[in-house]
Amino acid sequence: MDTVSSVSTEPSITGAVERMVSASEQLVVNRLELLLLDGKAALSSGLQAAIAGAFAVAALFCGWLCVNGAIAASLRQTLPMTGIFGILAAINVAIAAIAGIAARSLATPQKAK
């Protein structure tokens, strides 16, 4: 007598659920790793931008000091040093006030029309 056992080759429901849960867990792990990598890349690029910005500000400050020094040296023959410093201080305060007003207007949210 030929008896053939009827073993189903179809996947079971529990096996399918286990594979689905395993795939979902792996998806969550992969998403978290991707999120961490994106965060590290953003932090790295932000740090690089901050360093480059700091160097740019330092160079601008040095240049501004040189411009003020050149103006003071050129006016030294015609005005006393206190007058030169007063003029340069007034110019610098005026520029700072204009820059502050411009920065404040840029930072203020604009109303939609």
Protein backbone atom coordinates (compact mmCIF):
# COMPACT_ATOMS: atom_id res chain seq x y z
CA MET A 1 0.00 0.00 0.00
CA ASP A 2 1.33 3.34 -1.00
CA THR A 3 0.70 5.94 1.65
CA VAL A 4 1.64 9.45 0.87
CA SER A 5 1.64 11.81 3.76
CA SER A 6 -0.15 15.00 3.01
CA VAL A 7 2.28 17.62 4.26
CA SER A 8 1.32 21.02 3.07
CA THR A 9 3.98 22.99 1.25
CA GLU A 10 2.00 26.17 1.81
CA PRO A 11 3.48 28.54 4.41
CA SER A 12 1.64 28.62 7.67
CA ILE A 13 -0.09 31.69 9.04
CA THR A 14 2.22 31.82 12.05
CA GLY A 15 5.27 31.61 9.81
CA ALA A 16 3.97 34.44 7.68
CA VAL A 17 3.22 36.57 10.75
CA GLU A 18 6.71 35.88 12.13
CA ARG A 19 8.31 36.93 8.84
CA MET A 20 6.15 40.05 8.74
CA VAL A 21 7.09 41.01 12.32
CA SER A 22 10.76 40.34 11.59
CA ALA A 23 10.64 42.46 8.44
CA SER A 24 8.89 45.27 10.34
CA GLU A 25 11.52 45.19 13.08
CA GLN A 26 14.30 45.30 10.48
CA LEU A 27 12.59 48.22 8.76
CA VAL A 28 12.42 50.16 12.03
CA VAL A 29 16.10 49.41 12.74
CA ASN A 30 17.09 50.51 9.23
CA ARG A 31 15.08 53.72 9.54
CA LEU A 32 16.70 54.54 12.89
CA GLU A 33 20.17 53.93 11.47
CA LEU A 34 19.36 56.17 8.51
CA LEU A 35 18.04 58.84 10.85
CA LEU A 36 21.22 58.71 12.93
CA LEU A 37 23.40 58.93 9.82
CA ASP A 38 21.40 61.91 8.55
CA GLY A 39 21.75 63.59 11.94
CA LYS A 40 25.50 63.04 12.00
CA ALA A 41 25.84 64.40 8.45
CA ALA A 42 23.76 67.47 9.31
CA LEU A 43 25.78 68.10 12.46
CA SER A 44 29.02 67.73 10.54
CA SER A 45 27.97 70.10 7.78
CA GLY A 46 26.56 72.55 10.33
CA LEU A 47 29.82 72.50 12.25
CA GLN A 48 31.79 73.07 9.07
CA ALA A 49 29.52 75.98 8.16
CA ALA A 50 29.95 77.48 11.64
CA ILE A 51 33.74 77.24 11.43
CA ALA A 52 33.75 78.79 7.95
CA GLY A 53 31.42 81.53 9.21
CA ALA A 54 33.70 82.24 12.17
CA PHE A 55 36.70 82.60 9.86
CA ALA A 56 34.69 84.89 7.56
CA VAL A 57 33.65 87.10 10.49
CA ALA A 58 37.24 87.23 11.76
CA ALA A 59 38.52 88.21 8.30
CA LEU A 60 35.80 90.84 7.95
CA PHE A 61 36.66 92.25 11.37
CA CYS A 62 40.36 92.44 10.50
CA GLY A 63 39.54 94.14 7.21
CA TRP A 64 37.25 96.61 8.97
CA LEU A 65 40.02 97.46 11.43
CA CYS A 66 42.41 98.04 8.54
CA VAL A 67 39.91 100.34 6.80
CA ASN A 68 39.44 102.33 10.00
CA GLY A 69 43.20 102.50 10.49
CA ALA A 70 43.72 103.72 6.93
CA ILE A 71 41.09 106.43 7.37
CA ALA A 72 42.67 107.48 10.66
CA ALA A 73 46.13 107.60 9.09
CA SER A 74 44.91 109.66 6.14
CA LEU A 75 43.16 112.18 8.40
CA ARG A 76 46.01 112.43 10.89
CA GLN A 77 47.55 115.42 9.14
CA THR A 78 44.33 117.46 9.13
CA LEU A 79 42.52 116.55 12.38
CA PRO A 80 43.56 115.78 15.93
CA MET A 81 43.43 112.09 16.87
CA THR A 82 40.43 112.57 19.17
CA GLY A 83 38.48 114.11 16.29
CA ILE A 84 39.43 111.22 14.02
CA PHE A 85 38.31 108.67 16.61
CA GLY A 86 35.04 110.58 17.09
CA ILE A 87 34.34 110.58 13.36
CA LEU A 88 35.17 106.88 13.03
CA ALA A 89 33.05 106.04 16.07
CA ALA A 90 30.08 107.96 14.64
CA ILE A 91 30.44 106.20 11.28
CA ASN A 92 30.65 102.78 12.96
CA VAL A 93 27.64 103.48 15.21
CA ALA A 94 25.61 104.64 12.20
CA ILE A 95 26.51 101.49 10.24
CA ALA A 96 25.67 99.31 13.24
CA ALA A 97 22.31 101.07 13.69
CA ILE A 98 21.42 100.60 10.02
CA ALA A 99 22.46 96.94 10.16
CA GLY A 100 20.42 96.43 13.34
CA ILE A 101 17.33 97.98 11.78
CA ALA A 102 17.76 95.86 8.66
CA ALA A 103 18.25 92.68 10.71
CA ARG A 104 15.18 93.43 12.80
CA SER A 105 13.04 94.02 9.73
CA LEU A 106 14.27 90.77 8.19
CA ALA A 107 13.55 88.86 11.40
CA THR A 108 10.02 90.23 11.75
CA PRO A 109 7.47 87.93 10.09
CA GLN A 110 5.74 89.57 7.16
CA LYS A 111 1.94 89.60 7.09
CA ALA A 112 0.38 87.80 4.17
CA LYS A 113 -1.70 90.02 1.92
